[in-house]
Amino acid sequence: MAVVVLLFLIAAAFLAVALIGPYRLYWRARPRAAGQPSEAALAVGRVAAFGAAGAFVFAGCSAQEAADLGAWTASEVRKASEDAAESMASDPQIRRDPAEGYTSLIEAAVREAGEGQGPSSYHVSVERAGDGHSYAISADGSEVCMHVTEVRSAQGGILVPEAGSGSGSIATYDLTATVEDGAC
């Protein structure tokens, strides 16, 4: 952030030089002499100062954008989590490992939903909060809490062949999730 401020301060200095004009800055106290630059040279100096100010403003904006892309904001974490909640609700799910719950499913959904929003997916962390279906989703210091509710799906389940007895089914669950700001 200090680099961004420095670039904008340098841009402001060049802009001041361009607006005040080199003649007033350099030659005000001196009488017109043979060694003084021509009006054309002073105009070129003014244009160059405007160009330098523009270049430093561009560099400052680019540095700010790069800093912003390197970290998740609280709104980006919340938006990716809400998008993940919607995608999880779209298809029935198989009940997951009781110790892990839906942690891996949520993490994959948040990473997929956040592809265009945050810096990169490896900054996302999903941890189960307690024994229920509450999950803490955090990235770069921003945290939201997702509460998942599962209801047995009306679709019945996934048919699988069983050895010797024909076929059976694995129950599927419809998930609904809500997202709240802050820790669980």
Protein backbone atom coordinates (compact mmCIF):
# COMPACT_ATOMS: atom_id res chain seq x y z
CA MET A 1 0.00 0.00 0.00
CA ALA A 2 2.92 2.32 0.71
CA VAL A 3 4.11 1.85 -2.88
CA VAL A 4 0.71 2.93 -4.19
CA VAL A 5 0.75 6.08 -2.04
CA LEU A 6 4.31 6.87 -3.13
CA LEU A 7 3.40 6.51 -6.82
CA PHE A 8 0.42 8.84 -6.42
CA LEU A 9 2.56 11.41 -4.55
CA ILE A 10 5.14 11.38 -7.34
CA ALA A 11 2.31 11.78 -9.86
CA ALA A 12 1.00 14.77 -7.87
CA ALA A 13 4.46 16.38 -7.91
CA PHE A 14 4.73 16.00 -11.68
CA LEU A 15 1.20 17.32 -12.10
CA ALA A 16 2.10 20.39 -10.00
CA VAL A 17 5.16 20.98 -12.20
CA ALA A 18 3.01 20.65 -15.31
CA LEU A 19 0.29 23.01 -14.08
CA ILE A 20 2.57 25.67 -12.60
CA GLY A 21 4.94 25.48 -15.50
CA PRO A 22 8.69 25.06 -15.57
CA TYR A 23 9.28 28.77 -16.25
CA ARG A 24 7.76 29.85 -12.95
CA LEU A 25 9.61 27.16 -11.03
CA TYR A 26 13.09 27.56 -12.49
CA TRP A 27 13.44 31.03 -13.93
CA ARG A 28 11.22 33.29 -11.85
CA ALA A 29 14.07 34.80 -9.82
CA ARG A 30 16.45 35.07 -12.75
CA PRO A 31 16.27 37.77 -15.39
CA ARG A 32 15.87 36.74 -18.99
CA ALA A 33 19.29 35.77 -20.16
CA ALA A 34 20.78 34.19 -23.22
CA GLY A 35 21.04 30.80 -21.47
CA GLN A 36 17.34 30.63 -20.66
CA PRO A 37 15.30 27.91 -22.46
CA SER A 38 12.97 28.92 -25.26
CA GLU A 39 9.17 28.89 -24.99
CA ALA A 40 9.10 25.73 -27.10
CA ALA A 41 11.47 23.96 -24.71
CA LEU A 42 9.33 25.03 -21.75
CA ALA A 43 6.18 23.74 -23.51
CA VAL A 44 7.90 20.41 -24.19
CA GLY A 45 8.88 20.25 -20.49
CA ARG A 46 5.27 20.90 -19.48
CA VAL A 47 3.99 18.15 -21.82
CA ALA A 48 6.66 15.77 -20.50
CA ALA A 49 5.59 16.54 -16.91
CA PHE A 50 1.94 15.77 -17.79
CA GLY A 51 3.09 12.52 -19.43
CA ALA A 52 5.17 11.54 -16.39
CA ALA A 53 2.24 12.33 -14.08
CA GLY A 54 -0.02 10.15 -16.21
CA ALA A 55 2.51 7.31 -16.18
CA PHE A 56 2.78 7.43 -12.38
CA VAL A 57 -1.03 7.50 -12.00
CA PHE A 58 -1.24 4.45 -14.27
CA ALA A 59 1.49 2.69 -12.26
CA GLY A 60 -0.32 3.51 -9.00
CA CYS A 61 -3.62 2.17 -10.30
CA SER A 62 -1.91 -0.98 -11.59
CA ALA A 63 -0.17 -1.55 -8.25
CA GLN A 64 -3.49 -1.08 -6.42
CA GLU A 65 -5.21 -3.58 -8.73
CA ALA A 66 -2.41 -6.10 -8.23
CA ALA A 67 -2.70 -5.71 -4.45
CA ASP A 68 -6.47 -6.17 -4.67
CA LEU A 69 -6.14 -9.34 -6.75
CA GLY A 70 -3.77 -10.80 -4.19
CA ALA A 71 -6.31 -10.93 -1.36
CA TRP A 72 -9.94 -11.89 -0.84
CA THR A 73 -12.31 -9.21 0.43
CA ALA A 74 -15.14 -10.03 2.81
CA SER A 75 -17.71 -9.47 0.05
CA GLU A 76 -15.85 -11.84 -2.32
CA VAL A 77 -15.77 -14.58 0.32
CA ARG A 78 -19.48 -14.10 1.04
CA LYS A 79 -20.43 -14.05 -2.67
CA ALA A 80 -18.41 -17.20 -3.43
CA SER A 81 -19.97 -18.94 -0.40
CA GLU A 82 -23.49 -17.96 -1.47
CA ASP A 83 -22.80 -19.21 -4.99
CA ALA A 84 -21.45 -22.45 -3.53
CA ALA A 85 -24.61 -22.85 -1.44
CA GLU A 86 -26.73 -22.48 -4.58
CA SER A 87 -24.66 -25.01 -6.52
CA MET A 88 -24.84 -27.54 -3.67
CA ALA A 89 -28.63 -27.23 -3.62
CA SER A 90 -28.95 -27.92 -7.33
CA ASP A 91 -28.19 -31.67 -7.16
CA PRO A 92 -28.89 -34.35 -4.54
CA GLN A 93 -25.77 -35.40 -2.63
CA ILE A 94 -24.60 -38.62 -1.03
CA ARG A 95 -24.05 -38.38 2.71
CA ARG A 96 -20.37 -37.77 3.39
CA ASP A 97 -17.92 -39.06 5.94
CA PRO A 98 -19.37 -38.30 9.40
CA ALA A 99 -16.08 -36.90 10.68
CA GLU A 100 -15.61 -34.58 7.71
CA GLY A 101 -19.21 -33.81 6.84
CA TYR A 102 -19.55 -31.78 3.68
CA THR A 103 -16.21 -29.96 4.10
CA SER A 104 -14.64 -31.16 0.85
CA LEU A 105 -17.84 -30.56 -1.12
CA ILE A 106 -18.14 -27.01 0.24
CA GLU A 107 -14.46 -26.27 -0.38
CA ALA A 108 -14.70 -27.45 -3.99
CA ALA A 109 -17.91 -25.47 -4.54
CA VAL A 110 -16.42 -22.27 -3.05
CA ARG A 111 -13.27 -22.63 -5.15
CA GLU A 112 -15.33 -23.12 -8.30
CA ALA A 113 -17.69 -20.25 -7.47
CA GLY A 114 -14.83 -17.92 -6.55
CA GLU A 115 -12.70 -18.42 -9.66
CA GLY A 116 -13.35 -14.93 -11.03
CA GLN A 117 -13.77 -13.19 -7.69
CA GLY A 118 -10.74 -13.84 -5.52
CA PRO A 119 -7.01 -14.12 -6.11
CA SER A 120 -6.75 -17.88 -6.25
CA SER A 121 -8.50 -20.83 -4.79
CA TYR A 122 -5.68 -22.03 -2.57
CA HIS A 123 -6.39 -19.21 -0.12
CA VAL A 124 -9.78 -20.74 0.79
CA SER A 125 -10.11 -22.80 3.96
CA VAL A 126 -13.23 -24.72 5.05
CA GLU A 127 -13.43 -26.22 8.54
CA ARG A 128 -16.28 -27.95 10.28
CA ALA A 129 -17.52 -25.98 13.28
CA GLY A 130 -18.73 -28.31 16.02
CA ASP A 131 -20.64 -31.57 15.59
CA GLY A 132 -23.46 -30.24 13.41
CA HIS A 133 -23.45 -29.08 9.83
CA SER A 134 -21.92 -25.63 10.35
CA TYR A 135 -18.78 -24.80 8.41
CA ALA A 136 -16.34 -21.90 8.80
CA ILE A 137 -15.21 -20.63 5.39
CA SER A 138 -12.23 -18.28 5.53
CA ALA A 139 -9.86 -16.61 3.11
CA ASP A 140 -7.28 -13.91 3.88
CA GLY A 141 -8.81 -13.01 7.22
CA SER A 142 -12.41 -12.80 5.98
CA GLU A 143 -14.72 -15.43 7.41
CA VAL A 144 -18.29 -16.54 6.89
CA CYS A 145 -20.31 -19.34 8.42
CA MET A 146 -22.34 -21.75 6.30
CA HIS A 147 -25.12 -23.79 7.89
CA VAL A 148 -26.12 -26.85 5.84
CA THR A 149 -29.42 -28.66 6.26
CA GLU A 150 -29.92 -32.06 4.69
CA VAL A 151 -33.26 -33.67 3.86
CA ARG A 152 -33.60 -37.11 2.35
CA SER A 153 -34.17 -36.68 -1.38
CA ALA A 154 -37.53 -37.52 -2.90
CA GLN A 155 -35.67 -38.96 -5.90
CA GLY A 156 -34.92 -42.08 -3.89
CA GLY A 157 -31.21 -42.52 -4.24
CA ILE A 158 -28.55 -44.01 -6.46
CA LEU A 159 -29.02 -47.60 -7.57
CA VAL A 160 -26.01 -49.83 -7.06
CA PRO A 161 -25.59 -53.54 -7.73
CA GLU A 162 -25.28 -55.70 -4.65
CA ALA A 163 -23.45 -59.02 -4.62
CA GLY A 164 -25.90 -61.91 -4.86
CA SER A 165 -29.10 -60.05 -4.06
CA GLY A 166 -29.73 -57.94 -7.16
CA SER A 167 -29.54 -54.23 -6.57
CA GLY A 168 -29.83 -51.73 -3.77
CA SER A 169 -29.69 -47.99 -3.42
CA ILE A 170 -27.63 -45.38 -1.61
CA ALA A 171 -29.73 -42.60 -0.14
CA THR A 172 -29.23 -39.10 -1.48
CA TYR A 173 -29.96 -35.86 0.30
CA ASP A 174 -31.14 -32.46 -0.84
CA LEU A 175 -29.00 -29.76 0.75
CA THR A 176 -29.98 -26.24 1.65
CA ALA A 177 -27.40 -23.83 2.98
CA THR A 178 -27.44 -20.39 4.50
CA VAL A 179 -24.46 -18.07 4.80
CA GLU A 180 -23.83 -15.63 7.66
CA ASP A 181 -21.02 -13.15 8.13
CA GLY A 182 -18.48 -13.84 10.86
CA ALA A 183 -17.30 -16.92 12.67
CA CYS A 184 -19.58 -19.86 13.46
